[in-house]
Amino acid sequence: MNDEDLKRWRETARARAVARFPERERLVRSDGTPIRDLYNPIEHPVRPERIGLPGQYPFTRGVQPTMYRASHWTMRQYAGFGTAAESNARYRYLLGQGTTGLSVAFDLPTQMGYDSDDEMSLGEVGKVGVAIDSIEDMHVLFDQIPLDKVSTSMTINATASTLLAMYAAVGEERGIGANMLRGTIQNDVLKEYIARGTYIYPPRASMRIITDIFGWCREEVPSWNTISISGYHIREAGSTAAQEVAFTLADGIAYVDAAVASGLAVDDFAPRLSFFFNAHNNLLEEVAKFRAARRLWATLMKERFGAKSEKSLKMRFHTQTGGSTLTAQQIDNNIPRVTLQALAAVLGGTQSLHTNGRDEALALPTAESARLALRTQQVIAYESGVADFVDPLGGSWAVEALTDELEGQARALIDEIDGLGGMVAAIEQGFPQREIQAAAYQAQLDIDSGAQSVVGVNIFQEDTSVSPEVLTVDPALEAAQVARIRAVRAKRNATDATDAIDALQQAAAGTDNVLPRIRTAVKARCTLGEIAHALRDVFGEYEETPIL
């Protein structure tokens, strides 16, 4: 094939076909970028040096030379609701069904730093995740689960330091050293200001806590992933694929900058950074997104931060299928959606994966839906054959072109953020918030107008009044959790608890690492809310400026 061949094809064979059968009007990527009539080696040659080899810089083709040929990705199903005892039963059920890692969902009071008996928690205890008020709840949450053998991910941000300290203290009280613990805390507060809202302290105070976690884990919990820099919630808020990559990596740059400024050497903490991405329906775009993010991060770490360790250059990431793509209408349609999204994550080289339940547009998933979601991963892993190939879509003219396009779009946005003074300054100026709002608004307009089809919502609709059975959380659980936390306060040594809180506030007001003080406080049976309020007194609370 050469230029003349391509020109002749467009003027003859393609022109005749289009004349007889006009193409559909909307042939675009998810952000409205037109899809070319043909991806080909003339207009987009595949450049081997840009792609590289699996397990080698720039890691476009994956972070491991053999990827899933040795072992599959971690099947880490996100779960948690009600009390610690209820969630523990769900975790042991999932482990028995073949999940290979735990992922904890916390309720809103726990995420926001309120105890279950706080007036701010009324009606929210245990609703969207598990309520954890003290180390005693953490003991129950992981009852009969071997912490030295199972890796645990905790989706927690503003209170991540406290939950991590509780987890480490539970291990210690069971005779398991912190150096034996494996897992991840999300700990990505910047995206909370951008897209989600479960923040407590102002951005710069939050960055201080995060870098304290980096330093503490380097010494105390060396196998722990100290942060999971999250594009998932950015995409859930309505961003495009390119914005998801750009804003996530810009957050990552801010964390690396802050850690280096605090005195940490980049290669001392960067190998424990991890990422968390969304998977949407446009399969080829999503595969390209993961490949572009991996290559761009490796380039940034090498060229911008001078990282020398290969481990510092590797982007390791968890993927969750798109919650915002699930529909309340015809919920069984969510099964093929989740399957496509999970396949995109695997083809894109994810290290771990959560698949959403078919009923999550309505409520927390039932046990049956959670099992089916896990089985979806298992069928892909054990029956589809895609895990036998390393980067199976690598070299595809379409995928390589999309990878380059997404990387270029993301880099341009990162350059714009740099011009604003970095991501913290950009957040304070409302830049990423406005960009996401505009993208979300356009996406909704496209659905409302029918320009974007959603099966069961604006096409192939059904008129049905049948409501599927959904999981409900017993309201009585809140009263039981309130009684439990009050019993912990009544039983503990009050002097030890008061002294621990005072020491924490002194460390927060100064420059000492706050993690050792938080660990002392949780072992003294101080509650999560008490610890969060102590830090509020020192750092203050963040008040969002409306973005219009």
Protein backbone atom coordinates (compact mmCIF):
# COMPACT_ATOMS: atom_id res chain seq x y z
CA MET A 1 0.00 0.00 0.00
CA ASN A 2 1.18 3.52 -0.79
CA ASP A 3 -0.31 7.04 -0.99
CA GLU A 4 -1.67 6.46 -4.45
CA ASP A 5 -3.34 3.19 -3.44
CA LEU A 6 -5.05 4.93 -0.54
CA LYS A 7 -6.18 7.86 -2.69
CA ARG A 8 -7.52 5.53 -5.37
CA TRP A 9 -9.42 3.47 -2.77
CA ARG A 10 -11.12 6.59 -1.37
CA GLU A 11 -12.05 7.86 -4.82
CA THR A 12 -13.36 4.54 -6.12
CA ALA A 13 -14.28 1.64 -3.86
CA ARG A 14 -15.06 3.72 -0.79
CA ALA A 15 -16.85 6.46 -2.74
CA ARG A 16 -19.11 3.91 -4.48
CA ALA A 17 -19.93 2.20 -1.18
CA VAL A 18 -20.81 5.47 0.55
CA ALA A 19 -22.96 6.53 -2.42
CA ARG A 20 -25.00 3.34 -2.16
CA PHE A 21 -25.01 3.03 1.62
CA PRO A 22 -24.43 6.38 3.36
CA GLU A 23 -22.52 6.05 6.61
CA ARG A 24 -24.14 6.72 9.94
CA GLU A 25 -24.09 10.40 10.88
CA ARG A 26 -22.29 10.14 14.22
CA LEU A 27 -19.02 8.20 13.90
CA VAL A 28 -17.03 9.73 16.74
CA ARG A 29 -15.10 8.84 19.85
CA SER A 30 -16.74 9.37 23.22
CA ASP A 31 -15.57 13.02 23.31
CA GLY A 32 -16.88 13.80 19.83
CA THR A 33 -13.54 13.40 18.02
CA PRO A 34 -14.28 12.02 14.52
CA ILE A 35 -13.22 8.46 13.78
CA ARG A 36 -11.20 8.27 10.57
CA ASP A 37 -12.54 6.43 7.56
CA LEU A 38 -9.60 4.01 7.67
CA TYR A 39 -6.68 3.59 10.06
CA ASN A 40 -3.71 2.61 7.96
CA PRO A 41 0.11 2.48 7.95
CA ILE A 42 0.45 5.37 5.50
CA GLU A 43 -1.29 8.11 7.49
CA HIS A 44 -0.45 6.63 10.87
CA PRO A 45 2.64 4.42 10.70
CA VAL A 46 3.24 2.20 13.71
CA ARG A 47 6.55 3.28 15.23
CA PRO A 48 8.22 0.43 17.14
CA GLU A 49 10.31 2.80 19.28
CA ARG A 50 7.14 4.48 20.58
CA ILE A 51 5.55 1.17 21.44
CA GLY A 52 8.53 -0.69 22.88
CA LEU A 53 8.39 -4.16 24.34
CA PRO A 54 6.31 -5.51 27.24
CA GLY A 55 7.92 -4.89 30.61
CA GLN A 56 10.31 -2.29 29.18
CA TYR A 57 10.26 1.50 28.97
CA PRO A 58 7.99 3.22 27.99
CA PHE A 59 5.71 0.32 29.04
CA THR A 60 3.09 1.00 26.35
CA ARG A 61 2.61 -2.75 26.02
CA GLY A 62 2.40 -3.51 29.75
CA VAL A 63 4.44 -3.42 32.93
CA GLN A 64 5.36 -7.13 32.88
CA PRO A 65 7.12 -9.02 30.06
CA THR A 66 4.65 -11.92 30.24
CA MET A 67 1.58 -10.06 31.60
CA TYR A 68 -1.16 -12.63 32.35
CA ARG A 69 0.65 -15.68 30.97
CA ALA A 70 2.09 -16.34 34.45
CA SER A 71 -0.89 -15.33 36.57
CA HIS A 72 -4.12 -13.44 36.03
CA TRP A 73 -4.85 -9.96 37.28
CA THR A 74 -6.08 -9.64 40.86
CA MET A 75 -9.85 -10.05 40.95
CA ARG A 76 -10.58 -7.47 43.61
CA GLN A 77 -14.31 -7.06 44.18
CA TYR A 78 -15.33 -3.84 45.96
CA ALA A 79 -17.71 -4.50 48.84
CA GLY A 80 -18.89 -3.20 52.17
CA PHE A 81 -22.20 -2.25 53.79
CA GLY A 82 -23.90 -2.07 57.15
CA THR A 83 -21.80 -3.20 60.08
CA ALA A 84 -18.32 -4.69 60.13
CA ALA A 85 -19.79 -8.13 60.85
CA GLU A 86 -22.07 -8.03 57.77
CA SER A 87 -19.24 -6.89 55.52
CA ASN A 88 -16.92 -9.54 56.91
CA ALA A 89 -19.45 -12.18 55.90
CA ARG A 90 -19.54 -10.76 52.33
CA TYR A 91 -15.70 -10.76 52.15
CA ARG A 92 -15.45 -14.37 53.24
CA TYR A 93 -18.18 -15.26 50.72
CA LEU A 94 -16.26 -13.56 47.89
CA LEU A 95 -12.99 -15.22 48.91
CA GLY A 96 -14.80 -18.55 48.85
CA GLN A 97 -16.07 -17.77 45.33
CA GLY A 98 -12.56 -17.17 44.00
CA THR A 99 -11.85 -13.46 44.42
CA THR A 100 -8.13 -12.91 44.98
CA GLY A 101 -8.09 -9.56 46.78
CA LEU A 102 -10.36 -7.52 49.04
CA SER A 103 -11.59 -3.98 48.40
CA VAL A 104 -13.35 -2.15 51.21
CA ALA A 105 -16.19 0.32 50.66
CA PHE A 106 -16.75 2.67 53.61
CA ASP A 107 -19.92 4.55 54.47
CA LEU A 108 -20.12 8.33 54.09
CA PRO A 109 -19.62 9.17 57.80
CA THR A 110 -16.39 7.12 57.82
CA GLN A 111 -15.25 8.82 54.62
CA MET A 112 -16.01 12.28 56.02
CA GLY A 113 -14.51 11.77 59.47
CA TYR A 114 -17.67 11.46 61.58
CA ASP A 115 -18.46 8.79 64.15
CA SER A 116 -21.69 6.86 63.78
CA ASP A 117 -23.24 8.67 66.75
CA ASP A 118 -22.45 12.12 65.39
CA GLU A 119 -25.56 14.08 64.39
CA MET A 120 -24.03 14.51 60.93
CA SER A 121 -24.20 10.72 60.46
CA LEU A 122 -27.92 10.36 61.06
CA GLY A 123 -29.50 8.16 58.38
CA GLU A 124 -26.20 7.43 56.60
CA VAL A 125 -24.58 4.80 58.81
CA GLY A 126 -23.72 1.70 56.80
CA LYS A 127 -25.69 2.82 53.74
CA VAL A 128 -23.09 3.06 50.95
CA GLY A 129 -20.36 1.11 52.71
CA VAL A 130 -19.29 -0.27 56.03
CA ALA A 131 -19.22 1.86 59.19
CA ILE A 132 -15.81 1.85 60.90
CA ASP A 133 -15.60 3.91 64.08
CA SER A 134 -12.69 2.32 65.95
CA ILE A 135 -10.05 -0.37 65.83
CA GLU A 136 -12.60 -2.73 67.37
CA ASP A 137 -14.71 -2.46 64.19
CA MET A 138 -11.59 -3.13 62.11
CA HIS A 139 -10.94 -6.30 64.08
CA VAL A 140 -14.45 -7.52 63.29
CA LEU A 141 -14.19 -6.47 59.63
CA PHE A 142 -11.21 -8.78 59.10
CA ASP A 143 -12.19 -11.58 61.45
CA GLN A 144 -10.91 -14.97 60.17
CA ILE A 145 -9.17 -13.25 57.24
CA PRO A 146 -5.38 -13.77 57.19
CA LEU A 147 -3.96 -10.27 56.78
CA ASP A 148 -0.50 -11.62 55.97
CA LYS A 149 -1.88 -13.63 53.01
CA VAL A 150 -4.62 -11.41 51.49
CA SER A 151 -4.01 -8.00 49.95
CA THR A 152 -6.55 -5.36 50.92
CA SER A 153 -7.54 -2.21 49.09
CA MET A 154 -9.34 0.52 51.00
CA THR A 155 -11.24 3.16 49.05
CA ILE A 156 -10.71 5.94 51.54
CA ASN A 157 -9.27 9.41 51.13
CA ALA A 158 -9.62 12.17 53.72
CA THR A 159 -9.44 9.66 56.59
CA ALA A 160 -7.02 7.27 54.85
CA SER A 161 -4.30 7.84 57.45
CA THR A 162 -6.60 6.70 60.26
CA LEU A 163 -7.94 3.62 58.48
CA LEU A 164 -4.41 2.56 57.50
CA ALA A 165 -3.24 3.03 61.07
CA MET A 166 -6.16 0.91 62.29
CA TYR A 167 -5.34 -1.84 59.78
CA ALA A 168 -1.67 -1.89 60.82
CA ALA A 169 -2.64 -1.90 64.50
CA VAL A 170 -5.02 -4.84 63.97
CA GLY A 171 -2.16 -6.73 62.38
CA GLU A 172 0.14 -5.85 65.27
CA GLU A 173 -2.42 -6.99 67.86
CA ARG A 174 -2.68 -10.29 65.97
CA GLY A 175 1.09 -10.71 65.85
CA ILE A 176 1.43 -9.79 62.17
CA GLY A 177 4.19 -7.28 61.50
CA ALA A 178 3.42 -4.23 59.40
CA ASN A 179 6.15 -5.30 56.98
CA MET A 180 3.98 -8.33 56.10
CA LEU A 181 0.90 -6.32 55.14
CA ARG A 182 0.05 -5.84 51.47
CA GLY A 183 -2.57 -3.59 49.99
CA THR A 184 -3.53 -0.09 48.92
CA ILE A 185 -5.22 2.99 50.31
CA GLN A 186 -6.77 5.32 47.77
CA ASN A 187 -5.52 8.40 49.68
CA ASP A 188 -6.11 10.62 46.61
CA VAL A 189 -7.68 13.73 48.07
CA LEU A 190 -7.04 16.02 45.11
CA LYS A 191 -9.64 14.24 43.00
CA GLU A 192 -12.13 14.79 45.83
CA TYR A 193 -11.90 18.55 45.29
CA ILE A 194 -12.21 18.01 41.54
CA ALA A 195 -14.95 15.44 41.21
CA ARG A 196 -16.29 13.70 44.29
CA GLY A 197 -16.54 15.84 47.43
CA THR A 198 -15.49 13.64 50.38
CA TYR A 199 -12.77 16.03 51.55
CA ILE A 200 -12.25 17.42 55.03
CA TYR A 201 -9.18 19.64 55.22
CA PRO A 202 -7.91 22.32 52.79
CA PRO A 203 -5.82 21.00 49.88
CA ARG A 204 -2.41 21.96 51.24
CA ALA A 205 -3.09 20.39 54.64
CA SER A 206 -4.30 17.24 52.89
CA MET A 207 -1.06 17.14 50.90
CA ARG A 208 0.88 17.31 54.18
CA ILE A 209 -0.94 14.23 55.52
CA ILE A 210 -0.41 12.36 52.25
CA THR A 211 3.34 12.94 52.23
CA ASP A 212 3.47 11.90 55.90
CA ILE A 213 1.85 8.62 54.83
CA PHE A 214 4.49 8.19 52.11
CA GLY A 215 7.30 8.62 54.62
CA TRP A 216 5.74 6.43 57.29
CA CYS A 217 4.97 3.56 54.93
CA ARG A 218 8.49 3.62 53.52
CA GLU A 219 9.76 2.81 57.01
CA GLU A 220 6.90 0.83 58.54
CA VAL A 221 4.78 -0.77 55.80
CA PRO A 222 7.16 -1.15 52.84
CA SER A 223 4.89 -3.42 50.76
CA TRP A 224 1.91 -1.09 50.98
CA ASN A 225 0.78 1.01 48.00
CA THR A 226 0.57 4.42 49.61
CA ILE A 227 -1.81 6.01 47.13
CA SER A 228 -4.13 4.98 44.33
CA ILE A 229 -4.28 8.06 42.15
CA SER A 230 -7.81 7.93 40.88
CA GLY A 231 -9.19 8.79 37.49
CA TYR A 232 -12.22 6.64 38.21
CA HIS A 233 -14.20 9.35 39.98
CA ILE A 234 -13.07 11.99 37.49
CA ARG A 235 -14.64 9.87 34.73
CA GLU A 236 -17.72 9.20 36.86
CA ALA A 237 -18.18 12.97 37.17
CA GLY A 238 -18.43 13.19 33.38
CA SER A 239 -14.92 13.70 32.03
CA THR A 240 -13.75 12.49 28.65
CA ALA A 241 -11.16 9.71 28.34
CA ALA A 242 -8.41 12.25 27.64
CA GLN A 243 -9.43 14.37 30.64
CA GLU A 244 -9.42 11.27 32.83
CA VAL A 245 -5.80 10.57 31.87
CA ALA A 246 -4.68 14.21 32.08
CA PHE A 247 -6.24 15.13 35.40
CA THR A 248 -5.24 11.84 37.02
CA LEU A 249 -1.62 12.20 35.96
CA ALA A 250 -1.61 15.89 36.91
CA ASP A 251 -2.72 14.81 40.40
CA GLY A 252 0.13 12.29 40.36
CA ILE A 253 2.60 15.03 39.43
CA ALA A 254 1.35 17.13 42.36
CA TYR A 255 1.86 14.25 44.79
CA VAL A 256 5.38 13.57 43.50
CA ASP A 257 6.23 17.29 43.71
CA ALA A 258 4.94 17.45 47.29
CA ALA A 259 6.82 14.33 48.36
CA VAL A 260 10.09 15.57 46.84
CA ALA A 261 9.58 18.97 48.50
CA SER A 262 9.14 17.20 51.85
CA GLY A 263 12.61 15.68 51.48
CA LEU A 264 11.80 12.25 50.03
CA ALA A 265 13.89 10.94 47.12
CA VAL A 266 11.71 10.08 44.14
CA ASP A 267 12.89 6.48 43.87
CA ASP A 268 12.18 5.95 47.59
CA PHE A 269 8.42 6.37 47.22
CA ALA A 270 7.48 6.30 43.52
CA PRO A 271 7.55 2.47 43.22
CA ARG A 272 4.62 2.31 45.68
CA LEU A 273 2.43 4.75 43.75
CA SER A 274 -0.51 3.13 42.01
CA PHE A 275 -3.41 4.31 39.87
CA PHE A 276 -7.13 3.64 39.54
CA PHE A 277 -9.00 4.03 36.25
CA ASN A 278 -12.51 3.70 34.92
CA ALA A 279 -13.51 1.43 32.03
CA HIS A 280 -16.30 2.63 29.76
CA ASN A 281 -18.09 1.13 26.78
CA ASN A 282 -15.96 2.30 23.83
CA LEU A 283 -13.68 -0.72 23.86
CA LEU A 284 -10.89 0.39 21.51
CA GLU A 285 -10.74 3.89 22.99
CA GLU A 286 -10.51 2.45 26.49
CA VAL A 287 -7.71 0.04 25.53
CA ALA A 288 -5.83 2.95 23.96
CA LYS A 289 -6.47 5.09 27.05
CA PHE A 290 -4.74 2.62 29.35
CA ARG A 291 -1.77 2.28 26.99
CA ALA A 292 -1.46 6.07 26.59
CA ALA A 293 -1.61 6.65 30.36
CA ARG A 294 1.09 4.07 31.00
CA ARG A 295 3.46 5.55 28.38
CA LEU A 296 2.86 9.15 29.43
CA TRP A 297 3.48 8.42 33.13
CA ALA A 298 6.72 6.58 32.37
CA THR A 299 7.90 9.53 30.26
CA LEU A 300 6.98 12.08 32.94
CA MET A 301 8.71 10.16 35.72
CA LYS A 302 11.88 9.74 33.68
CA GLU A 303 12.14 13.14 32.03
CA ARG A 304 10.47 15.43 34.59
CA PHE A 305 11.50 13.84 37.87
CA GLY A 306 14.69 12.04 36.89
CA ALA A 307 13.53 8.70 38.31
CA LYS A 308 16.19 6.04 37.86
CA SER A 309 14.46 2.93 39.19
CA GLU A 310 12.47 0.99 36.61
CA LYS A 311 9.84 0.42 39.28
CA SER A 312 9.34 4.19 39.56
CA LEU A 313 8.51 4.38 35.86
CA LYS A 314 5.90 1.62 35.83
CA MET A 315 2.29 2.65 36.08
CA ARG A 316 0.47 -0.10 37.96
CA PHE A 317 -3.29 0.37 38.03
CA HIS A 318 -6.58 -1.04 39.22
CA THR A 319 -9.67 -0.76 37.02
CA GLN A 320 -13.35 -0.65 37.90
CA THR A 321 -16.08 -0.88 35.31
CA GLY A 322 -18.09 2.29 34.80
CA GLY A 323 -20.74 2.91 37.42
CA SER A 324 -22.10 5.90 35.52
CA THR A 325 -22.71 3.71 32.45
CA LEU A 326 -25.10 1.41 34.34
CA THR A 327 -28.79 1.97 33.75
CA ALA A 328 -31.76 1.53 36.04
CA GLN A 329 -33.81 0.61 32.98
CA GLN A 330 -33.46 -3.01 31.80
CA ILE A 331 -30.74 -3.81 34.33
CA ASP A 332 -29.77 -7.04 32.56
CA ASN A 333 -28.30 -4.84 29.81
CA ASN A 334 -25.64 -3.92 32.37
CA ILE A 335 -24.23 -7.46 32.13
CA PRO A 336 -22.89 -7.06 28.56
CA ARG A 337 -21.79 -3.50 29.37
CA VAL A 338 -19.70 -4.72 32.29
CA THR A 339 -18.32 -7.57 30.18
CA LEU A 340 -17.15 -5.16 27.45
CA GLN A 341 -15.62 -2.83 29.99
CA ALA A 342 -13.83 -5.63 31.83
CA LEU A 343 -12.48 -6.94 28.53
CA ALA A 344 -11.15 -3.46 27.70
CA ALA A 345 -9.33 -3.35 31.04
CA VAL A 346 -7.73 -6.73 30.43
CA LEU A 347 -6.78 -5.91 26.84
CA GLY A 348 -5.34 -2.64 28.19
CA GLY A 349 -3.15 -4.39 30.76
CA THR A 350 -4.72 -3.74 34.17
CA GLN A 351 -3.16 -5.21 37.32
CA SER A 352 -6.43 -5.69 39.18
CA LEU A 353 -10.10 -5.40 38.33
CA HIS A 354 -13.50 -4.88 39.90
CA THR A 355 -16.62 -5.65 37.90
CA ASN A 356 -19.84 -3.89 38.89
CA GLY A 357 -23.06 -5.70 39.69
CA ARG A 358 -25.99 -5.55 37.27
CA ASP A 359 -28.22 -3.88 39.88
CA GLU A 360 -25.89 -1.13 41.11
CA ALA A 361 -27.84 1.64 39.39
CA LEU A 362 -30.55 0.84 41.94
CA ALA A 363 -28.75 -0.18 45.14
CA LEU A 364 -25.74 -1.98 46.54
CA PRO A 365 -25.37 -5.31 44.72
CA THR A 366 -27.04 -8.42 46.04
CA ALA A 367 -24.86 -11.47 46.74
CA GLU A 368 -26.10 -13.03 43.49
CA SER A 369 -25.17 -9.94 41.46
CA ALA A 370 -21.75 -9.77 43.12
CA ARG A 371 -21.14 -13.42 42.26
CA LEU A 372 -22.18 -12.88 38.63
CA ALA A 373 -19.86 -9.87 38.38
CA LEU A 374 -16.97 -11.99 39.65
CA ARG A 375 -17.89 -14.82 37.27
CA THR A 376 -17.65 -12.30 34.40
CA GLN A 377 -13.98 -11.78 35.23
CA GLN A 378 -13.41 -15.49 35.62
CA VAL A 379 -14.92 -16.29 32.21
CA ILE A 380 -12.66 -13.67 30.59
CA ALA A 381 -9.65 -15.07 32.44
CA TYR A 382 -10.22 -18.78 31.97
CA GLU A 383 -12.31 -19.11 28.81
CA SER A 384 -11.81 -16.17 26.42
CA GLY A 385 -8.14 -16.82 25.61
CA VAL A 386 -7.23 -13.12 25.65
CA ALA A 387 -5.06 -13.59 28.74
CA ASP A 388 -2.77 -15.88 26.75
CA PHE A 389 -1.58 -12.95 24.61
CA VAL A 390 0.62 -10.04 25.70
CA ASP A 391 -0.93 -6.73 24.57
CA PRO A 392 -2.99 -8.52 21.91
CA LEU A 393 -4.15 -5.29 20.23
CA GLY A 394 -0.68 -3.78 20.11
CA GLY A 395 0.33 -2.89 16.56
CA SER A 396 -3.25 -2.36 15.45
CA TRP A 397 -3.27 0.79 13.33
CA ALA A 398 -6.49 1.93 14.99
CA VAL A 399 -5.33 1.25 18.55
CA GLU A 400 -1.90 2.79 18.04
CA ALA A 401 -3.43 5.90 16.45
CA LEU A 402 -5.92 6.25 19.31
CA THR A 403 -3.10 5.74 21.84
CA ASP A 404 -1.10 8.57 20.27
CA GLU A 405 -4.14 10.85 20.04
CA LEU A 406 -5.14 10.35 23.67
CA GLU A 407 -1.58 10.82 24.88
CA GLY A 408 -1.32 14.05 22.91
CA GLN A 409 -4.62 15.39 24.24
CA ALA A 410 -3.67 14.49 27.82
CA ARG A 411 -0.22 16.07 27.52
CA ALA A 412 -1.76 19.31 26.21
CA LEU A 413 -4.07 19.49 29.25
CA ILE A 414 -1.16 18.80 31.63
CA ASP A 415 0.80 21.63 29.99
CA GLU A 416 -2.19 23.92 30.57
CA ILE A 417 -2.31 22.89 34.24
CA ASP A 418 1.42 23.53 34.58
CA GLY A 419 0.79 27.03 33.21
CA LEU A 420 -1.72 27.63 36.01
CA GLY A 421 0.87 26.73 38.64
CA GLY A 422 0.22 22.99 39.02
CA MET A 423 -2.79 20.93 39.98
CA VAL A 424 -3.37 22.35 43.47
CA ALA A 425 -3.42 25.88 42.05
CA ALA A 426 -5.57 24.72 39.12
CA ILE A 427 -8.10 23.22 41.54
CA GLU A 428 -8.16 26.44 43.56
CA GLN A 429 -8.90 28.29 40.29
CA GLY A 430 -11.59 25.78 39.31
CA PHE A 431 -9.99 24.72 36.02
CA PRO A 432 -10.48 20.92 36.09
CA GLN A 433 -13.91 21.32 37.66
CA ARG A 434 -15.09 23.54 34.80
CA GLU A 435 -13.62 21.25 32.14
CA ILE A 436 -15.38 18.20 33.59
CA GLN A 437 -18.68 20.03 34.00
CA ALA A 438 -18.60 21.10 30.35
CA ALA A 439 -17.85 17.55 29.18
CA ALA A 440 -20.57 16.06 31.40
CA TYR A 441 -23.12 18.59 30.18
CA GLN A 442 -22.34 17.83 26.54
CA ALA A 443 -22.55 14.08 27.16
CA GLN A 444 -26.00 14.46 28.72
CA LEU A 445 -27.15 16.67 25.85
CA ASP A 446 -26.05 13.95 23.42
CA ILE A 447 -28.10 11.33 25.28
CA ASP A 448 -31.13 13.60 25.56
CA SER A 449 -31.04 14.41 21.85
CA GLY A 450 -30.43 10.81 20.81
CA ALA A 451 -27.04 11.61 19.28
CA GLN A 452 -25.59 9.10 21.74
CA SER A 453 -27.56 5.86 21.94
CA VAL A 454 -28.10 4.08 25.26
CA VAL A 455 -29.90 0.78 24.86
CA GLY A 456 -33.01 0.63 27.02
CA VAL A 457 -32.88 4.36 27.79
CA ASN A 458 -33.34 6.27 24.52
CA ILE A 459 -33.56 3.32 22.10
CA PHE A 460 -35.13 -0.15 22.39
CA GLN A 461 -37.14 0.94 25.39
CA GLU A 462 -39.62 -1.26 27.22
CA ASP A 463 -42.65 -0.32 29.25
CA THR A 464 -42.42 -2.38 32.43
CA SER A 465 -43.50 -1.93 36.01
CA VAL A 466 -41.60 -4.93 37.37
CA SER A 467 -39.04 -3.91 40.00
CA PRO A 468 -36.08 -6.23 40.60
CA GLU A 469 -35.18 -7.34 44.10
CA VAL A 470 -32.45 -5.12 45.56
CA LEU A 471 -30.26 -5.18 48.64
CA THR A 472 -31.54 -3.09 51.56
CA VAL A 473 -29.64 -2.10 54.68
CA ASP A 474 -31.62 -2.63 57.90
CA PRO A 475 -32.12 0.79 59.57
CA ALA A 476 -31.77 -0.92 62.96
CA LEU A 477 -28.08 -1.44 62.23
CA GLU A 478 -27.43 2.24 62.88
CA ALA A 479 -28.63 1.99 66.47
CA ALA A 480 -26.48 -1.11 67.01
CA GLN A 481 -23.42 0.69 65.63
CA VAL A 482 -24.08 3.72 67.85
CA ALA A 483 -24.29 1.45 70.90
CA ARG A 484 -21.07 -0.25 69.86
CA ILE A 485 -19.02 2.95 69.61
CA ARG A 486 -20.34 4.22 72.94
CA ALA A 487 -19.31 0.96 74.56
CA VAL A 488 -15.78 1.37 73.20
CA ARG A 489 -15.53 4.87 74.69
CA ALA A 490 -16.86 3.67 78.04
CA LYS A 491 -14.40 0.77 78.26
CA ARG A 492 -11.16 2.50 77.18
CA ASN A 493 -8.61 4.28 79.38
CA ALA A 494 -9.81 7.89 79.13
CA THR A 495 -6.43 9.36 80.08
CA ASP A 496 -4.60 7.41 77.39
CA ALA A 497 -7.14 8.52 74.80
CA THR A 498 -6.90 12.20 75.80
CA ASP A 499 -3.10 12.12 75.84
CA ALA A 500 -3.03 10.50 72.39
CA ILE A 501 -5.26 13.20 70.90
CA ASP A 502 -3.16 15.97 72.49
CA ALA A 503 0.04 14.45 71.05
CA LEU A 504 -1.57 14.19 67.63
CA GLN A 505 -2.56 17.84 67.63
CA GLN A 506 0.95 18.88 68.65
CA ALA A 507 2.44 16.91 65.76
CA ALA A 508 -0.09 18.35 63.30
CA ALA A 509 0.65 21.90 64.44
CA GLY A 510 4.38 21.29 63.98
CA THR A 511 6.38 19.37 61.42
CA ASP A 512 6.48 15.87 62.92
CA ASN A 513 4.97 13.01 60.94
CA VAL A 514 1.39 12.56 62.16
CA LEU A 515 1.12 8.83 61.37
CA PRO A 516 2.89 7.52 64.51
CA ARG A 517 0.56 9.70 66.62
CA ILE A 518 -2.51 8.48 64.77
CA ARG A 519 -1.39 4.89 65.29
CA THR A 520 -1.00 5.53 69.03
CA ALA A 521 -4.47 7.09 69.11
CA VAL A 522 -6.22 4.18 67.40
CA LYS A 523 -4.48 1.70 69.74
CA ALA A 524 -5.76 3.81 72.66
CA ARG A 525 -9.26 3.23 71.19
CA CYS A 526 -9.70 6.81 70.06
CA THR A 527 -12.44 6.90 67.45
CA LEU A 528 -12.13 7.90 63.82
CA GLY A 529 -14.29 10.97 64.44
CA GLU A 530 -12.21 12.09 67.41
CA ILE A 531 -9.03 11.85 65.34
CA ALA A 532 -10.60 13.72 62.41
CA HIS A 533 -11.95 16.47 64.69
CA ALA A 534 -8.53 16.85 66.33
CA LEU A 535 -7.01 17.47 62.90
CA ARG A 536 -9.90 19.79 61.95
CA ASP A 537 -9.01 21.94 64.95
CA VAL A 538 -5.47 22.34 63.60
CA PHE A 539 -5.94 22.40 59.82
CA GLY A 540 -9.48 23.77 59.48
CA GLU A 541 -12.07 22.56 56.97
CA TYR A 542 -12.24 23.13 53.23
CA GLU A 543 -15.13 25.17 51.92
CA GLU A 544 -15.77 24.71 48.23
CA THR A 545 -16.09 27.73 45.98
CA PRO A 546 -19.00 27.18 43.57
CA ILE A 547 -17.77 26.65 40.00
CA LEU A 548 -20.03 28.22 37.40
